[in-house]
Amino acid sequence: MFWPITLGVGAIILLWAVWVTFFTTKDHYRAPRNEETGEELQSFLMGGEGDEEDPPHDEHCINAWMFLLADAEDVSEDDVERREKLITRAINILNHAGVDESDADFDATTDSIVPDLIYHLRQNPDATWIEQKLTEQKKAIHFPFDQCLKAAKKSKGIPELEGDWRKLADEKLNQVKATIPDYSEDEISSLAKQFATFIRANEQSLTISFDTYETISFSKALCRFEWGGETVTESGLAHLAGTFNYTQDRIPSGSELQTHVWDEVYQEKSGFDYGFLFSSATSNHDGKAVPVVVDIDEAPEYYIWTVSEGSMDYDIYDEKKEGGSTPECTRIECSAGDLIAIFDIVNDSAFERFLNQLKTELEDLSAQADALNLT
């Protein structure tokens, strides 16, 4: 008897929710258009001409060039029209990169990134046809293009695009691990006794500083116009450091220390304040991972929609998302006075034995002191 009424109430609630969402959430994004023709404009990165009042700088030229090379990979020889459009884009990028009207002594061969751009062109076998076409149309290029072609032979490329962050990360990790002793059981026992005696005699705390290293990635969709709404991923070796102080009655166990470290790391990562020592970035451009030079924290964000609450409007943007992460090494340095003991809490359990023995030694010293007081 009441079933139809229940359905009616549910339908009303659903319609109300849809109505509220529709009228309070709106997509206000409108792609910029040419005022005269009404044609939708393209950003410099996506193939547009660029803003004369705010001309593209080197980073823009690098990224525009890398997108151009990716687009050039799939163009057949028969697609003459598309090839001509790509060559026009290439000339536009080169003229922005190789000319500095504010500097009369500017030399594209030695002062610009043009030789580096040509280097990256030559590294892409599916886009090398561009060099021949540019040579044929070099009159449209506003600097000595032939000299830049020769200079490109000595170029090592753009460091941010060419650098091998994994190699640099491995070197850094090996350096860090080389500072961590391989303690024997007797050495751990001796260190625990020395620490306990000093801490007890001087009423000192145990200081534990940590440096954690992870290979990690973050992704974020960027501005619809400038970046075409593409998702950029930054991957690399990240580093985070911190310090804890423990009184002698609060010495942590190995698992407790790990929890404290991971909680601290999580707190920092939740705010995405987790610096890369070495990294590289790629943009998902038509399904291709195109190398780019960008700090995704500083890059313009992807606008999703605007939410209205009362008289206020709030623009909502895509947030940075953490990808996979792998703890590589967490170096801890335990200190009290001049005493120091160093461990890796990711790859070795020696720190657990040290902390457990330190707690036991402190408890024994405390029990001895209590026994003396009783007598």
Protein backbone atom coordinates (compact mmCIF):
# COMPACT_ATOMS: atom_id res chain seq x y z
CA MET A 1 0.00 0.00 0.00
CA PHE A 2 2.83 2.41 0.84
CA TRP A 3 5.32 1.14 -1.78
CA PRO A 4 4.27 3.61 -4.55
CA ILE A 5 4.52 6.50 -2.09
CA THR A 6 8.06 5.46 -1.11
CA LEU A 7 9.07 5.39 -4.76
CA GLY A 8 7.54 8.81 -5.23
CA VAL A 9 9.48 10.30 -2.31
CA GLY A 10 12.73 8.72 -3.60
CA ALA A 11 12.13 10.16 -7.04
CA ILE A 12 11.48 13.62 -5.60
CA ILE A 13 14.72 13.48 -3.57
CA LEU A 14 16.67 12.38 -6.66
CA LEU A 15 15.18 15.15 -8.80
CA TRP A 16 15.95 17.71 -6.08
CA ALA A 17 19.59 16.57 -5.90
CA VAL A 18 19.94 16.75 -9.69
CA TRP A 19 18.32 20.20 -9.73
CA VAL A 20 20.65 21.54 -6.99
CA THR A 21 23.72 20.11 -8.73
CA PHE A 22 22.67 21.53 -12.10
CA PHE A 23 21.93 25.02 -10.86
CA THR A 24 24.84 25.35 -8.40
CA THR A 25 27.57 23.71 -10.49
CA LYS A 26 28.41 25.11 -13.89
CA ASP A 27 31.25 24.79 -16.34
CA HIS A 28 32.22 28.39 -17.10
CA TYR A 29 35.14 27.49 -19.34
CA ARG A 30 35.06 29.00 -22.81
CA ALA A 31 37.98 28.50 -25.18
CA PRO A 32 39.49 31.83 -26.35
CA ARG A 33 38.45 32.85 -29.86
CA ASN A 34 39.71 35.23 -32.50
CA GLU A 35 37.67 38.43 -32.13
CA GLU A 36 37.48 38.98 -35.88
CA THR A 37 36.89 35.45 -37.22
CA GLY A 38 35.38 33.77 -34.16
CA GLU A 39 37.78 30.89 -34.72
CA GLU A 40 38.87 29.01 -31.61
CA LEU A 41 42.45 29.89 -30.71
CA GLN A 42 45.24 27.46 -29.90
CA SER A 43 47.89 28.00 -27.29
CA PHE A 44 51.54 28.22 -28.30
CA LEU A 45 52.21 24.78 -26.82
CA MET A 46 49.41 23.22 -28.84
CA GLY A 47 50.44 24.84 -32.15
CA GLY A 48 49.27 28.45 -31.88
CA GLU A 49 51.35 31.45 -32.86
CA GLY A 50 51.97 32.85 -29.38
CA ASP A 51 51.18 36.15 -27.69
CA GLU A 52 53.13 39.11 -29.12
CA GLU A 53 52.72 41.10 -25.89
CA ASP A 54 53.97 38.19 -23.80
CA PRO A 55 56.22 36.19 -26.13
CA PRO A 56 57.05 32.58 -25.30
CA HIS A 57 60.20 32.00 -23.28
CA ASP A 58 62.61 29.07 -23.61
CA GLU A 59 60.55 26.64 -21.51
CA HIS A 60 57.49 27.28 -23.66
CA CYS A 61 59.55 26.78 -26.82
CA ILE A 62 60.99 23.51 -25.52
CA ASN A 63 57.58 22.08 -24.67
CA ALA A 64 55.99 23.31 -27.90
CA TRP A 65 58.84 21.69 -29.81
CA MET A 66 58.44 18.33 -28.05
CA PHE A 67 54.68 18.32 -28.79
CA LEU A 68 55.46 19.19 -32.41
CA LEU A 69 57.86 16.24 -32.71
CA ALA A 70 55.25 13.90 -31.25
CA ASP A 71 52.65 15.15 -33.74
CA ALA A 72 55.13 14.76 -36.60
CA GLU A 73 55.71 11.07 -35.94
CA ASP A 74 52.41 9.92 -37.42
CA VAL A 75 52.25 12.04 -40.59
CA SER A 76 52.61 10.19 -43.87
CA GLU A 77 54.45 11.63 -46.89
CA ASP A 78 51.14 11.85 -48.73
CA ASP A 79 49.58 14.13 -46.13
CA VAL A 80 51.10 17.27 -47.63
CA GLU A 81 48.69 19.71 -45.96
CA ARG A 82 49.35 18.43 -42.46
CA ARG A 83 53.09 18.39 -43.03
CA GLU A 84 53.00 22.03 -44.14
CA LYS A 85 51.10 23.00 -41.00
CA LEU A 86 53.70 21.26 -38.85
CA ILE A 87 56.54 23.02 -40.67
CA THR A 88 54.80 26.35 -40.12
CA ARG A 89 54.60 25.49 -36.40
CA ALA A 90 58.27 24.53 -36.36
CA ILE A 91 59.35 27.79 -37.98
CA ASN A 92 57.25 29.77 -35.53
CA ILE A 93 58.82 28.00 -32.54
CA LEU A 94 62.35 28.43 -33.89
CA ASN A 95 61.85 32.13 -34.57
CA HIS A 96 60.69 32.65 -30.98
CA ALA A 97 63.57 30.59 -29.59
CA GLY A 98 66.31 31.96 -31.84
CA VAL A 99 65.56 35.68 -31.83
CA ASP A 100 65.85 38.21 -29.02
CA GLU A 101 64.85 41.63 -30.30
CA SER A 102 65.93 43.28 -27.05
CA ASP A 103 69.54 42.14 -27.52
CA ALA A 104 71.30 43.25 -30.70
CA ASP A 105 74.24 40.91 -30.01
CA PHE A 106 72.06 37.84 -29.53
CA ASP A 107 73.43 34.89 -31.52
CA ALA A 108 71.05 31.97 -32.09
CA THR A 109 74.01 29.62 -32.57
CA THR A 110 75.59 30.24 -29.17
CA ASP A 111 72.98 32.07 -27.07
CA SER A 112 69.77 30.20 -27.85
CA ILE A 113 68.30 26.74 -27.36
CA VAL A 114 67.87 26.23 -31.11
CA PRO A 115 70.84 23.80 -31.43
CA ASP A 116 69.38 21.82 -28.51
CA LEU A 117 65.97 21.69 -30.19
CA ILE A 118 67.59 20.36 -33.37
CA TYR A 119 69.44 17.78 -31.27
CA HIS A 120 66.13 16.45 -29.93
CA LEU A 121 64.69 16.47 -33.45
CA ARG A 122 67.53 14.23 -34.59
CA GLN A 123 66.91 11.89 -31.67
CA ASN A 124 63.40 11.18 -32.97
CA PRO A 125 63.73 8.99 -36.09
CA ASP A 126 60.04 9.38 -37.01
CA ALA A 127 60.28 13.18 -37.10
CA THR A 128 63.61 13.77 -38.83
CA TRP A 129 61.81 14.66 -42.08
CA ILE A 130 61.21 18.06 -40.46
CA GLU A 131 64.90 19.00 -40.72
CA GLN A 132 64.90 18.57 -44.50
CA LYS A 133 61.73 20.65 -44.87
CA LEU A 134 63.13 23.38 -42.62
CA THR A 135 66.30 23.50 -44.69
CA GLU A 136 64.19 23.96 -47.82
CA GLN A 137 62.27 26.82 -46.17
CA LYS A 138 65.14 28.39 -44.19
CA LYS A 139 64.44 31.82 -45.70
CA ALA A 140 61.46 31.99 -43.36
CA ILE A 141 63.74 31.50 -40.35
CA HIS A 142 65.02 34.79 -38.92
CA PHE A 143 68.55 33.69 -38.03
CA PRO A 144 71.39 31.68 -39.66
CA PHE A 145 69.76 28.26 -39.58
CA ASP A 146 72.67 26.45 -41.26
CA GLN A 147 75.01 27.50 -38.46
CA CYS A 148 72.56 26.16 -35.86
CA LEU A 149 72.42 22.83 -37.71
CA LYS A 150 76.21 22.58 -37.36
CA ALA A 151 76.11 23.66 -33.69
CA ALA A 152 73.53 20.95 -32.97
CA LYS A 153 76.20 18.30 -33.57
CA LYS A 154 77.92 19.43 -30.35
CA SER A 155 74.71 19.76 -28.34
CA LYS A 156 73.93 17.34 -25.50
CA GLY A 157 70.26 18.30 -25.47
CA ILE A 158 68.09 19.98 -22.85
CA PRO A 159 69.28 18.62 -19.47
CA GLU A 160 65.72 18.32 -18.07
CA LEU A 161 64.74 16.20 -21.09
CA GLU A 162 67.95 14.31 -21.60
CA GLY A 163 68.99 13.68 -17.98
CA ASP A 164 68.61 10.16 -16.60
CA TRP A 165 67.07 10.74 -13.18
CA ARG A 166 67.15 7.02 -12.37
CA LYS A 167 70.91 6.92 -12.85
CA LEU A 168 71.34 10.02 -10.68
CA ALA A 169 68.98 8.52 -8.09
CA ASP A 170 70.98 5.28 -7.94
CA GLU A 171 74.18 7.27 -7.45
CA LYS A 172 72.62 9.27 -4.62
CA LEU A 173 71.20 6.18 -2.91
CA ASN A 174 74.57 4.44 -3.11
CA GLN A 175 76.21 7.48 -1.51
CA VAL A 176 73.66 7.47 1.32
CA LYS A 177 73.91 3.72 1.91
CA ALA A 178 77.71 3.97 2.01
CA THR A 179 77.39 6.07 5.19
CA ILE A 180 75.42 3.33 7.02
CA PRO A 181 77.65 0.89 8.97
CA ASP A 182 77.04 -2.85 8.95
CA TYR A 183 77.09 -3.42 12.71
CA SER A 184 77.82 -6.80 14.24
CA GLU A 185 75.68 -8.04 17.14
CA ASP A 186 78.49 -7.25 19.59
CA GLU A 187 78.76 -3.70 18.21
CA ILE A 188 75.01 -3.18 18.58
CA SER A 189 75.13 -4.39 22.19
CA SER A 190 78.10 -2.14 22.93
CA LEU A 191 76.39 0.90 21.39
CA ALA A 192 73.20 0.22 23.37
CA LYS A 193 75.16 0.10 26.65
CA GLN A 194 77.11 3.29 25.84
CA PHE A 195 73.93 5.17 24.92
CA ALA A 196 72.05 3.93 27.99
CA THR A 197 74.88 4.86 30.35
CA PHE A 198 75.24 8.36 28.87
CA ILE A 199 71.48 9.06 28.72
CA ARG A 200 70.97 7.86 32.30
CA ALA A 201 74.00 9.65 33.77
CA ASN A 202 73.33 12.96 32.02
CA GLU A 203 69.52 12.84 31.97
CA GLN A 204 69.64 13.33 28.22
CA SER A 205 67.13 12.52 25.49
CA LEU A 206 67.70 10.28 22.49
CA THR A 207 67.62 12.29 19.26
CA ILE A 208 66.70 10.45 16.08
CA SER A 209 66.93 12.28 12.77
CA PHE A 210 65.73 10.61 9.58
CA ASP A 211 66.20 11.06 5.85
CA THR A 212 63.82 9.04 3.73
CA TYR A 213 64.17 8.51 -0.01
CA GLU A 214 61.36 7.27 -2.27
CA THR A 215 60.88 6.83 -5.98
CA ILE A 216 57.51 8.41 -6.52
CA SER A 217 55.29 10.04 -9.12
CA PHE A 218 52.63 12.74 -9.11
CA SER A 219 50.13 13.57 -11.85
CA LYS A 220 47.90 16.53 -12.54
CA ALA A 221 45.74 17.68 -15.43
CA LEU A 222 46.84 21.13 -16.58
CA CYS A 223 45.11 24.18 -18.05
CA ARG A 224 42.60 23.39 -20.81
CA PHE A 225 43.84 26.15 -23.09
CA GLU A 226 47.60 26.39 -22.56
CA TRP A 227 48.21 22.66 -22.05
CA GLY A 228 45.17 21.31 -23.86
CA GLY A 229 43.94 19.79 -20.59
CA GLU A 230 46.65 17.16 -20.78
CA THR A 231 47.77 15.22 -17.73
CA VAL A 232 51.40 15.74 -16.78
CA THR A 233 53.25 13.23 -14.62
CA GLU A 234 56.41 14.01 -12.70
CA SER A 235 58.48 11.01 -11.55
CA GLY A 236 61.70 10.91 -9.62
CA LEU A 237 63.57 10.42 -6.37
CA ALA A 238 62.02 12.39 -3.52
CA HIS A 239 63.58 13.22 -0.16
CA LEU A 240 62.08 14.13 3.20
CA ALA A 241 63.83 14.71 6.52
CA GLY A 242 62.77 15.15 10.13
CA THR A 243 63.86 14.81 13.75
CA PHE A 244 62.36 13.22 16.89
CA ASN A 245 63.43 13.52 20.54
CA TYR A 246 62.66 10.74 23.02
CA THR A 247 63.13 10.91 26.79
CA GLN A 248 64.65 7.83 28.42
CA ASP A 249 61.23 6.57 29.53
CA ARG A 250 59.78 6.98 26.03
CA ILE A 251 62.34 5.19 23.85
CA PRO A 252 60.34 3.69 20.94
CA SER A 253 60.45 0.13 19.72
CA GLY A 254 61.52 -0.48 16.14
CA SER A 255 57.94 -0.72 14.91
CA GLU A 256 56.93 2.40 16.83
CA LEU A 257 59.77 4.39 15.28
CA GLN A 258 58.76 3.21 11.81
CA THR A 259 55.20 4.33 12.51
CA HIS A 260 56.40 7.76 13.66
CA VAL A 261 58.50 8.17 10.52
CA TRP A 262 55.76 7.00 8.14
CA ASP A 263 53.20 9.24 9.87
CA GLU A 264 55.50 12.23 9.42
CA VAL A 265 56.10 11.34 5.78
CA TYR A 266 52.36 10.88 5.17
CA GLN A 267 51.65 14.28 6.76
CA GLU A 268 54.10 16.00 4.42
CA LYS A 269 52.97 14.08 1.35
CA SER A 270 49.31 14.85 2.05
CA GLY A 271 50.20 18.47 1.37
CA PHE A 272 52.29 17.40 -1.63
CA ASP A 273 55.25 19.14 -0.02
CA TYR A 274 57.68 16.40 -1.01
CA GLY A 275 60.67 17.64 -2.93
CA PHE A 276 62.26 15.83 -5.84
CA LEU A 277 66.04 15.54 -5.82
CA PHE A 278 65.99 14.27 -9.41
CA SER A 279 62.96 13.97 -11.65
CA SER A 280 61.54 14.17 -15.14
CA ALA A 281 58.08 15.06 -16.43
CA THR A 282 55.97 13.72 -19.28
CA SER A 283 52.69 14.92 -20.75
CA ASN A 284 50.08 12.47 -21.98
CA HIS A 285 49.77 13.89 -25.49
CA ASP A 286 47.39 11.84 -27.66
CA GLY A 287 48.40 8.72 -25.78
CA LYS A 288 52.14 9.44 -26.00
CA ALA A 289 54.36 10.21 -23.02
CA VAL A 290 56.01 13.39 -24.30
CA PRO A 291 58.98 14.69 -22.26
CA VAL A 292 58.36 18.25 -21.05
CA VAL A 293 59.97 20.82 -18.79
CA VAL A 294 57.47 21.87 -16.13
CA ASP A 295 56.95 22.20 -12.40
CA ILE A 296 53.44 20.82 -12.04
CA ASP A 297 53.01 22.69 -8.73
CA GLU A 298 53.54 25.99 -10.54
CA ALA A 299 51.80 25.12 -13.83
CA PRO A 300 48.27 26.44 -14.56
CA GLU A 301 45.66 24.00 -13.30
CA TYR A 302 42.81 22.31 -15.13
CA TYR A 303 39.52 24.13 -14.46
CA ILE A 304 36.67 21.68 -13.81
CA TRP A 305 33.65 23.80 -12.90
CA THR A 306 32.31 26.55 -10.65
CA VAL A 307 30.22 25.80 -7.58
CA SER A 308 27.83 28.46 -6.30
CA GLU A 309 27.11 28.74 -2.58
CA GLY A 310 24.85 31.65 -1.76
CA SER A 311 26.36 34.79 -3.25
CA MET A 312 29.83 33.24 -3.60
CA ASP A 313 31.25 31.29 -6.55
CA TYR A 314 34.10 28.82 -6.09
CA ASP A 315 36.19 27.61 -9.02
CA ILE A 316 37.17 23.95 -8.72
CA TYR A 317 40.44 22.76 -10.25
CA ASP A 318 41.96 19.33 -10.72
CA GLU A 319 44.18 18.30 -7.81
CA LYS A 320 47.57 16.66 -7.94
CA LYS A 321 47.37 12.90 -7.47
CA GLU A 322 50.05 10.61 -6.12
CA GLY A 323 50.97 7.61 -8.22
CA GLY A 324 53.00 4.62 -7.11
CA SER A 325 55.74 5.09 -4.53
CA THR A 326 58.58 2.80 -3.47
CA PRO A 327 60.60 3.43 -0.29
CA GLU A 328 64.25 3.05 -1.28
CA CYS A 329 66.11 3.94 1.89
CA THR A 330 65.39 5.63 5.23
CA ARG A 331 68.58 6.57 6.98
CA ILE A 332 68.23 7.28 10.70
CA GLU A 333 70.90 8.79 12.90
CA CYS A 334 70.54 8.15 16.63
CA SER A 335 72.54 10.52 18.81
CA ALA A 336 73.11 11.38 22.46
CA GLY A 337 75.97 13.72 23.24
CA ASP A 338 78.89 12.65 21.04
CA LEU A 339 77.50 9.17 20.57
CA ILE A 340 76.13 8.37 17.10
CA ALA A 341 74.59 5.22 15.60
CA ILE A 342 73.33 5.09 12.01
CA PHE A 343 70.86 2.60 10.51
CA ASP A 344 68.60 1.98 7.51
CA ILE A 345 65.08 1.18 8.68
CA VAL A 346 63.88 0.05 5.24
CA ASN A 347 66.48 -2.54 4.28
CA ASP A 348 67.84 -3.74 7.64
CA SER A 349 66.45 -4.68 11.07
CA ALA A 350 69.59 -3.75 13.04
CA PHE A 351 67.90 -0.57 14.29
CA GLU A 352 65.18 -2.66 15.97
CA ARG A 353 67.73 -4.69 17.90
CA PHE A 354 69.55 -1.51 18.91
CA LEU A 355 66.40 0.19 20.22
CA ASN A 356 65.21 -2.94 22.01
CA GLN A 357 68.57 -3.40 23.71
CA LEU A 358 68.74 0.31 24.57
CA LYS A 359 65.33 0.09 26.27
CA THR A 360 66.42 -3.01 28.18
CA GLU A 361 69.69 -1.37 29.29
CA LEU A 362 67.84 1.74 30.49
CA GLU A 363 65.31 -0.39 32.39
CA ASP A 364 68.15 -2.33 34.04
CA LEU A 365 69.94 0.87 35.06
CA SER A 366 66.67 2.26 36.44
CA ALA A 367 66.01 -0.95 38.38
CA GLN A 368 69.56 -0.84 39.81
CA ALA A 369 69.09 2.77 40.90
CA ASP A 370 65.76 1.93 42.54
CA ALA A 371 67.37 -1.00 44.37
CA LEU A 372 70.11 1.25 45.72
CA ASN A 373 67.55 3.79 46.90
CA LEU A 374 65.65 1.11 48.75
CA THR A 375 68.73 0.04 50.65
